[in-house]
Amino acid sequence: MKGRIKKLNKQKGYGFIRADNGQEIFFHKAELAAGIVFNALETGEELMFFIEEGKKGKKATTIIKT
């Protein structure tokens, strides 16, 4: 799935992605593919990712920059 970064909390290491289908998906920096630096990400950047069901709802996994 594709989407763009909607919001980042760089101090806590997480953010939210607005998927192309309109869903808002949580992500944690631990789910970033190797070589992607969390603190270098910016709001609006396009990402590709998978969605899994987490304890608190849907979350993005295996995140890569496009």
C-alpha atoms as a PDB file:
ATOM      1  CA  MET A   1       0.000   0.000   0.000  1.00  0.00           C
ATOM      2  CA  LYS A   2       1.136   3.596  -0.551  1.00  0.00           C
ATOM      3  CA  GLY A   3       0.623   6.710   1.515  1.00  0.00           C
ATOM      4  CA  ARG A   4       2.179   9.910   2.815  1.00  0.00           C
ATOM      5  CA  ILE A   5       3.408  10.833   6.278  1.00  0.00           C
ATOM      6  CA  LYS A   6       0.702  12.848   7.997  1.00  0.00           C
ATOM      7  CA  LYS A   7       2.279  13.406  11.407  1.00  0.00           C
ATOM      8  CA  LEU A   8       5.558  12.575  13.180  1.00  0.00           C
ATOM      9  CA  ASN A   9       6.532  12.531  16.842  1.00  0.00           C
ATOM     10  CA  LYS A  10      10.315  12.437  16.525  1.00  0.00           C
ATOM     11  CA  GLN A  11      10.873  12.450  20.298  1.00  0.00           C
ATOM     12  CA  LYS A  12       8.825   9.284  20.819  1.00  0.00           C
ATOM     13  CA  GLY A  13       9.693   7.542  17.525  1.00  0.00           C
ATOM     14  CA  TYR A  14       6.281   7.130  15.912  1.00  0.00           C
ATOM     15  CA  GLY A  15       3.965   8.750  13.427  1.00  0.00           C
ATOM     16  CA  PHE A  16       0.890   8.377  11.252  1.00  0.00           C
ATOM     17  CA  ILE A  17       0.556   7.714   7.543  1.00  0.00           C
ATOM     18  CA  ARG A  18      -2.421   8.819   5.432  1.00  0.00           C
ATOM     19  CA  ALA A  19      -2.878   5.861   3.073  1.00  0.00           C
ATOM     20  CA  ASP A  20      -3.980   6.455  -0.518  1.00  0.00           C
ATOM     21  CA  ASN A  21      -7.363   4.920   0.384  1.00  0.00           C
ATOM     22  CA  GLY A  22      -7.873   7.549   3.126  1.00  0.00           C
ATOM     23  CA  GLN A  23      -7.066   5.371   6.149  1.00  0.00           C
ATOM     24  CA  GLU A  24      -4.852   6.810   8.866  1.00  0.00           C
ATOM     25  CA  ILE A  25      -2.286   4.194   9.918  1.00  0.00           C
ATOM     26  CA  PHE A  26       0.044   4.250  12.952  1.00  0.00           C
ATOM     27  CA  PHE A  27       3.727   3.408  12.485  1.00  0.00           C
ATOM     28  CA  HIS A  28       6.738   2.994  14.766  1.00  0.00           C
ATOM     29  CA  LYS A  29      10.333   3.653  13.753  1.00  0.00           C
ATOM     30  CA  ALA A  30      11.173  -0.028  14.398  1.00  0.00           C
ATOM     31  CA  GLU A  31       9.135  -0.912  11.278  1.00  0.00           C
ATOM     32  CA  LEU A  32      11.322   1.139   8.905  1.00  0.00           C
ATOM     33  CA  ALA A  33      13.361  -0.804   6.343  1.00  0.00           C
ATOM     34  CA  ALA A  34      17.134  -0.863   6.791  1.00  0.00           C
ATOM     35  CA  GLY A  35      18.811   2.372   5.770  1.00  0.00           C
ATOM     36  CA  ILE A  36      15.875   4.685   6.529  1.00  0.00           C
ATOM     37  CA  VAL A  37      16.666   7.167   9.307  1.00  0.00           C
ATOM     38  CA  PHE A  38      13.528   8.057  11.268  1.00  0.00           C
ATOM     39  CA  ASN A  39      14.726  11.533  12.242  1.00  0.00           C
ATOM     40  CA  ALA A  40      15.373  12.344   8.561  1.00  0.00           C
ATOM     41  CA  LEU A  41      11.718  11.697   7.594  1.00  0.00           C
ATOM     42  CA  GLU A  42       9.463  14.677   6.926  1.00  0.00           C
ATOM     43  CA  THR A  43       5.715  15.224   6.793  1.00  0.00           C
ATOM     44  CA  GLY A  44       4.380  14.633   3.288  1.00  0.00           C
ATOM     45  CA  GLU A  45       6.986  12.050   2.203  1.00  0.00           C
ATOM     46  CA  GLU A  46       5.598   9.103   0.251  1.00  0.00           C
ATOM     47  CA  LEU A  47       6.006   5.610   1.697  1.00  0.00           C
ATOM     48  CA  MET A  48       5.124   2.038   0.772  1.00  0.00           C
ATOM     49  CA  PHE A  49       4.110  -0.363   3.541  1.00  0.00           C
ATOM     50  CA  PHE A  50       2.072  -3.357   4.617  1.00  0.00           C
ATOM     51  CA  ILE A  51      -0.730  -3.235   7.189  1.00  0.00           C
ATOM     52  CA  GLU A  52      -1.044  -5.602  10.150  1.00  0.00           C
ATOM     53  CA  GLU A  53      -3.493  -5.746  13.020  1.00  0.00           C
ATOM     54  CA  GLY A  54      -1.775  -4.684  16.257  1.00  0.00           C
ATOM     55  CA  LYS A  55      -2.928  -4.659  19.873  1.00  0.00           C
ATOM     56  CA  LYS A  56      -4.437  -1.190  19.468  1.00  0.00           C
ATOM     57  CA  GLY A  57      -5.574  -1.421  15.844  1.00  0.00           C
ATOM     58  CA  LYS A  58      -3.955  -1.325  12.443  1.00  0.00           C
ATOM     59  CA  LYS A  59      -0.266  -0.499  12.064  1.00  0.00           C
ATOM     60  CA  ALA A  60       2.153  -0.089   9.166  1.00  0.00           C
ATOM     61  CA  THR A  61       5.003  -2.604   8.782  1.00  0.00           C
ATOM     62  CA  THR A  62       7.947  -3.101   6.406  1.00  0.00           C
ATOM     63  CA  ILE A  63       8.004   0.607   5.551  1.00  0.00           C
ATOM     64  CA  ILE A  64      10.105   1.867   2.618  1.00  0.00           C
ATOM     65  CA  LYS A  65      10.467   5.282   0.960  1.00  0.00           C
ATOM     66  CA  THR A  66       9.365   5.633  -2.659  1.00  0.00           C
END
